[in-house]
Amino acid sequence: MQVQDILGKDLVGDEWLTEEELRFLMSVTDEEQLQLIYKKAYEVKAKYVKPVA
């Protein structure tokens, strides 16, 4: 399992992460890979979380 494979899923669409994938992502310590995870998380947040007025 690799970060790129997991982040390749359409998380902004209708694909979900498995518990195993989530646990793997939470174990990542490489700074470059963490930045990729944060970028993807922001994309998902931007779609689903309404801005505070």
PDB file of N, CA and C in Angstrom:
ATOM      1  N   MET A   1       0.847  -1.170   0.000  1.00  0.00           N
ATOM      2  CA  MET A   1       0.000   0.000   0.000  1.00  0.00           C
ATOM      3  C   MET A   1       0.896   1.238   0.000  1.00  0.00           C
ATOM      4  N   GLN A   2       0.524   2.219  -0.826  1.00  0.00           N
ATOM      5  CA  GLN A   2       1.293   3.453  -0.908  1.00  0.00           C
ATOM      6  C   GLN A   2       0.358   4.647  -0.820  1.00  0.00           C
ATOM      7  N   VAL A   3       0.887   5.759  -0.352  1.00  0.00           N
ATOM      8  CA  VAL A   3       0.105   6.982  -0.209  1.00  0.00           C
ATOM      9  C   VAL A   3      -0.509   7.377  -1.546  1.00  0.00           C
ATOM     10  N   GLN A   4       0.284   7.327  -2.614  1.00  0.00           N
ATOM     11  CA  GLN A   4      -0.214   7.738  -3.934  1.00  0.00           C
ATOM     12  C   GLN A   4      -1.421   6.914  -4.370  1.00  0.00           C
ATOM     13  N   ASP A   5      -1.396   5.615  -4.088  1.00  0.00           N
ATOM     14  CA  ASP A   5      -2.515   4.745  -4.463  1.00  0.00           C
ATOM     15  C   ASP A   5      -3.789   5.151  -3.729  1.00  0.00           C
ATOM     16  N   ILE A   6      -3.656   5.427  -2.457  1.00  0.00           N
ATOM     17  CA  ILE A   6      -4.820   5.801  -1.653  1.00  0.00           C
ATOM     18  C   ILE A   6      -5.348   7.159  -2.086  1.00  0.00           C
ATOM     19  N   LEU A   7      -4.456   8.112  -2.293  1.00  0.00           N
ATOM     20  CA  LEU A   7      -4.886   9.454  -2.668  1.00  0.00           C
ATOM     21  C   LEU A   7      -5.403   9.513  -4.097  1.00  0.00           C
ATOM     22  N   GLY A   8      -5.169   8.458  -4.867  1.00  0.00           N
ATOM     23  CA  GLY A   8      -5.691   8.381  -6.226  1.00  0.00           C
ATOM     24  C   GLY A   8      -7.186   8.131  -6.266  1.00  0.00           C
ATOM     25  N   LYS A   9      -7.748   7.743  -5.132  1.00  0.00           N
ATOM     26  CA  LYS A   9      -9.191   7.536  -5.061  1.00  0.00           C
ATOM     27  C   LYS A   9      -9.906   8.876  -5.195  1.00  0.00           C
ATOM     28  N   ASP A  10     -11.134   8.836  -5.678  1.00  0.00           N
ATOM     29  CA  ASP A  10     -11.930  10.052  -5.825  1.00  0.00           C
ATOM     30  C   ASP A  10     -12.596  10.381  -4.492  1.00  0.00           C
ATOM     31  N   LEU A  11     -11.819  10.894  -3.555  1.00  0.00           N
ATOM     32  CA  LEU A  11     -12.333  11.170  -2.219  1.00  0.00           C
ATOM     33  C   LEU A  11     -13.261  12.373  -2.185  1.00  0.00           C
ATOM     34  N   VAL A  12     -13.196  13.209  -3.204  1.00  0.00           N
ATOM     35  CA  VAL A  12     -14.111  14.337  -3.293  1.00  0.00           C
ATOM     36  C   VAL A  12     -15.429  13.858  -3.896  1.00  0.00           C
ATOM     37  N   GLY A  13     -15.383  12.721  -4.557  1.00  0.00           N
ATOM     38  CA  GLY A  13     -16.577  12.134  -5.154  1.00  0.00           C
ATOM     39  C   GLY A  13     -17.241  11.167  -4.202  1.00  0.00           C
ATOM     40  N   ASP A  14     -17.390   9.930  -4.651  1.00  0.00           N
ATOM     41  CA  ASP A  14     -18.147   8.973  -3.847  1.00  0.00           C
ATOM     42  C   ASP A  14     -17.325   7.787  -3.347  1.00  0.00           C
ATOM     43  N   GLU A  15     -16.004   7.859  -3.421  1.00  0.00           N
ATOM     44  CA  GLU A  15     -15.178   6.760  -2.915  1.00  0.00           C
ATOM     45  C   GLU A  15     -14.816   7.015  -1.457  1.00  0.00           C
ATOM     46  N   TRP A  16     -14.740   5.954  -0.695  1.00  0.00           N
ATOM     47  CA  TRP A  16     -14.427   6.032   0.725  1.00  0.00           C
ATOM     48  C   TRP A  16     -13.133   5.288   1.010  1.00  0.00           C
ATOM     49  N   LEU A  17     -12.470   5.668   2.086  1.00  0.00           N
ATOM     50  CA  LEU A  17     -11.273   4.954   2.516  1.00  0.00           C
ATOM     51  C   LEU A  17     -11.669   3.813   3.446  1.00  0.00           C
ATOM     52  N   THR A  18     -10.913   2.738   3.376  1.00  0.00           N
ATOM     53  CA  THR A  18     -11.132   1.628   4.299  1.00  0.00           C
ATOM     54  C   THR A  18     -10.441   1.944   5.624  1.00  0.00           C
ATOM     55  N   GLU A  19     -10.776   1.205   6.649  1.00  0.00           N
ATOM     56  CA  GLU A  19     -10.120   1.394   7.943  1.00  0.00           C
ATOM     57  C   GLU A  19      -8.620   1.140   7.813  1.00  0.00           C
ATOM     58  N   GLU A  20      -8.261   0.135   7.030  1.00  0.00           N
ATOM     59  CA  GLU A  20      -6.846  -0.183   6.823  1.00  0.00           C
ATOM     60  C   GLU A  20      -6.115   0.984   6.158  1.00  0.00           C
ATOM     61  N   GLU A  21      -6.748   1.600   5.160  1.00  0.00           N
ATOM     62  CA  GLU A  21      -6.132   2.742   4.475  1.00  0.00           C
ATOM     63  C   GLU A  21      -5.978   3.928   5.428  1.00  0.00           C
ATOM     64  N   LEU A  22      -6.996   4.189   6.231  1.00  0.00           N
ATOM     65  CA  LEU A  22      -6.913   5.289   7.195  1.00  0.00           C
ATOM     66  C   LEU A  22      -5.791   5.063   8.199  1.00  0.00           C
ATOM     67  N   ARG A  23      -5.689   3.838   8.694  1.00  0.00           N
ATOM     68  CA  ARG A  23      -4.626   3.522   9.651  1.00  0.00           C
ATOM     69  C   ARG A  23      -3.248   3.703   9.007  1.00  0.00           C
ATOM     70  N   PHE A  24      -3.132   3.292   7.747  1.00  0.00           N
ATOM     71  CA  PHE A  24      -1.863   3.456   7.040  1.00  0.00           C
ATOM     72  C   PHE A  24      -1.515   4.940   6.909  1.00  0.00           C
ATOM     73  N   LEU A  25      -2.482   5.757   6.489  1.00  0.00           N
ATOM     74  CA  LEU A  25      -2.222   7.184   6.316  1.00  0.00           C
ATOM     75  C   LEU A  25      -1.838   7.845   7.641  1.00  0.00           C
ATOM     76  N   MET A  26      -2.428   7.396   8.731  1.00  0.00           N
ATOM     77  CA  MET A  26      -2.103   7.971  10.036  1.00  0.00           C
ATOM     78  C   MET A  26      -0.717   7.566  10.513  1.00  0.00           C
ATOM     79  N   SER A  27      -0.140   6.542   9.899  1.00  0.00           N
ATOM     80  CA  SER A  27       1.196   6.096  10.302  1.00  0.00           C
ATOM     81  C   SER A  27       2.315   6.740   9.483  1.00  0.00           C
ATOM     82  N   VAL A  28       1.967   7.509   8.468  1.00  0.00           N
ATOM     83  CA  VAL A  28       2.962   8.129   7.586  1.00  0.00           C
ATOM     84  C   VAL A  28       3.752   9.186   8.358  1.00  0.00           C
ATOM     85  N   THR A  29       5.067   9.171   8.197  1.00  0.00           N
ATOM     86  CA  THR A  29       5.925  10.160   8.857  1.00  0.00           C
ATOM     87  C   THR A  29       6.780  10.956   7.867  1.00  0.00           C
ATOM     88  N   ASP A  30       6.814  10.529   6.617  1.00  0.00           N
ATOM     89  CA  ASP A  30       7.600  11.226   5.600  1.00  0.00           C
ATOM     90  C   ASP A  30       6.952  12.579   5.286  1.00  0.00           C
ATOM     91  N   GLU A  31       7.721  13.658   5.385  1.00  0.00           N
ATOM     92  CA  GLU A  31       7.195  15.013   5.207  1.00  0.00           C
ATOM     93  C   GLU A  31       6.546  15.224   3.840  1.00  0.00           C
ATOM     94  N   GLU A  32       7.166  14.722   2.785  1.00  0.00           N
ATOM     95  CA  GLU A  32       6.603  14.881   1.435  1.00  0.00           C
ATOM     96  C   GLU A  32       5.249  14.203   1.320  1.00  0.00           C
ATOM     97  N   GLN A  33       5.159  12.990   1.832  1.00  0.00           N
ATOM     98  CA  GLN A  33       3.899  12.255   1.772  1.00  0.00           C
ATOM     99  C   GLN A  33       2.838  12.912   2.644  1.00  0.00           C
ATOM    100  N   LEU A  34       3.255  13.451   3.783  1.00  0.00           N
ATOM    101  CA  LEU A  34       2.305  14.158   4.643  1.00  0.00           C
ATOM    102  C   LEU A  34       1.725  15.375   3.934  1.00  0.00           C
ATOM    103  N   GLN A  35       2.548  16.081   3.192  1.00  0.00           N
ATOM    104  CA  GLN A  35       2.061  17.246   2.453  1.00  0.00           C
ATOM    105  C   GLN A  35       1.026  16.837   1.407  1.00  0.00           C
ATOM    106  N   LEU A  36       1.237  15.699   0.755  1.00  0.00           N
ATOM    107  CA  LEU A  36       0.258  15.194  -0.210  1.00  0.00           C
ATOM    108  C   LEU A  36      -1.060  14.852   0.481  1.00  0.00           C
ATOM    109  N   ILE A  37      -0.965  14.255   1.656  1.00  0.00           N
ATOM    110  CA  ILE A  37      -2.171  13.905   2.420  1.00  0.00           C
ATOM    111  C   ILE A  37      -2.915  15.181   2.820  1.00  0.00           C
ATOM    112  N   TYR A  38      -2.198  16.184   3.316  1.00  0.00           N
ATOM    113  CA  TYR A  38      -2.824  17.443   3.722  1.00  0.00           C
ATOM    114  C   TYR A  38      -3.503  18.123   2.539  1.00  0.00           C
ATOM    115  N   LYS A  39      -2.857  18.093   1.381  1.00  0.00           N
ATOM    116  CA  LYS A  39      -3.435  18.715   0.187  1.00  0.00           C
ATOM    117  C   LYS A  39      -4.758  18.038  -0.180  1.00  0.00           C
ATOM    118  N   LYS A  40      -4.775  16.714  -0.162  1.00  0.00           N
ATOM    119  CA  LYS A  40      -5.991  15.972  -0.493  1.00  0.00           C
ATOM    120  C   LYS A  40      -7.078  16.237   0.547  1.00  0.00           C
ATOM    121  N   ALA A  41      -6.694  16.281   1.817  1.00  0.00           N
ATOM    122  CA  ALA A  41      -7.661  16.554   2.885  1.00  0.00           C
ATOM    123  C   ALA A  41      -8.282  17.935   2.705  1.00  0.00           C
ATOM    124  N   TYR A  42      -7.493  18.908   2.287  1.00  0.00           N
ATOM    125  CA  TYR A  42      -8.018  20.250   2.068  1.00  0.00           C
ATOM    126  C   TYR A  42      -9.017  20.261   0.915  1.00  0.00           C
ATOM    127  N   GLU A  43      -8.748  19.502  -0.140  1.00  0.00           N
ATOM    128  CA  GLU A  43      -9.691  19.409  -1.262  1.00  0.00           C
ATOM    129  C   GLU A  43     -11.036  18.870  -0.786  1.00  0.00           C
ATOM    130  N   VAL A  44     -10.994  17.833   0.025  1.00  0.00           N
ATOM    131  CA  VAL A  44     -12.227  17.238   0.547  1.00  0.00           C
ATOM    132  C   VAL A  44     -12.938  18.234   1.463  1.00  0.00           C
ATOM    133  N   LYS A  45     -12.189  18.884   2.339  1.00  0.00           N
ATOM    134  CA  LYS A  45     -12.771  19.874   3.249  1.00  0.00           C
ATOM    135  C   LYS A  45     -13.419  21.009   2.465  1.00  0.00           C
ATOM    136  N   ALA A  46     -12.751  21.486   1.431  1.00  0.00           N
ATOM    137  CA  ALA A  46     -13.275  22.593   0.635  1.00  0.00           C
ATOM    138  C   ALA A  46     -14.621  22.243   0.012  1.00  0.00           C
ATOM    139  N   LYS A  47     -14.830  20.980  -0.299  1.00  0.00           N
ATOM    140  CA  LYS A  47     -16.094  20.580  -0.906  1.00  0.00           C
ATOM    141  C   LYS A  47     -17.204  20.415   0.129  1.00  0.00           C
ATOM    142  N   TYR A  48     -16.884  19.864   1.286  1.00  0.00           N
ATOM    143  CA  TYR A  48     -17.921  19.458   2.225  1.00  0.00           C
ATOM    144  C   TYR A  48     -18.136  20.362   3.431  1.00  0.00           C
ATOM    145  N   VAL A  49     -17.191  21.216   3.757  1.00  0.00           N
ATOM    146  CA  VAL A  49     -17.328  22.060   4.945  1.00  0.00           C
ATOM    147  C   VAL A  49     -17.658  23.483   4.516  1.00  0.00           C
ATOM    148  N   LYS A  50     -18.761  23.992   5.046  1.00  0.00           N
ATOM    149  CA  LYS A  50     -19.169  25.358   4.704  1.00  0.00           C
ATOM    150  C   LYS A  50     -18.292  26.349   5.464  1.00  0.00           C
ATOM    151  N   PRO A  51     -17.953  27.463   4.817  1.00  0.00           N
ATOM    152  CA  PRO A  51     -17.137  28.466   5.502  1.00  0.00           C
ATOM    153  C   PRO A  51     -17.911  29.100   6.664  1.00  0.00           C
ATOM    154  N   VAL A  52     -17.194  29.512   7.681  1.00  0.00           N
ATOM    155  CA  VAL A  52     -17.805  30.191   8.818  1.00  0.00           C
ATOM    156  C   VAL A  52     -18.070  31.629   8.419  1.00  0.00           C
ATOM    157  N   ALA A  53     -19.279  32.078   8.667  1.00  0.00           N
ATOM    158  CA  ALA A  53     -19.656  33.445   8.266  1.00  0.00           C
ATOM    159  C   ALA A  53     -19.240  34.467   9.279  1.00  0.00           C
TER     160      ALA A  53
END
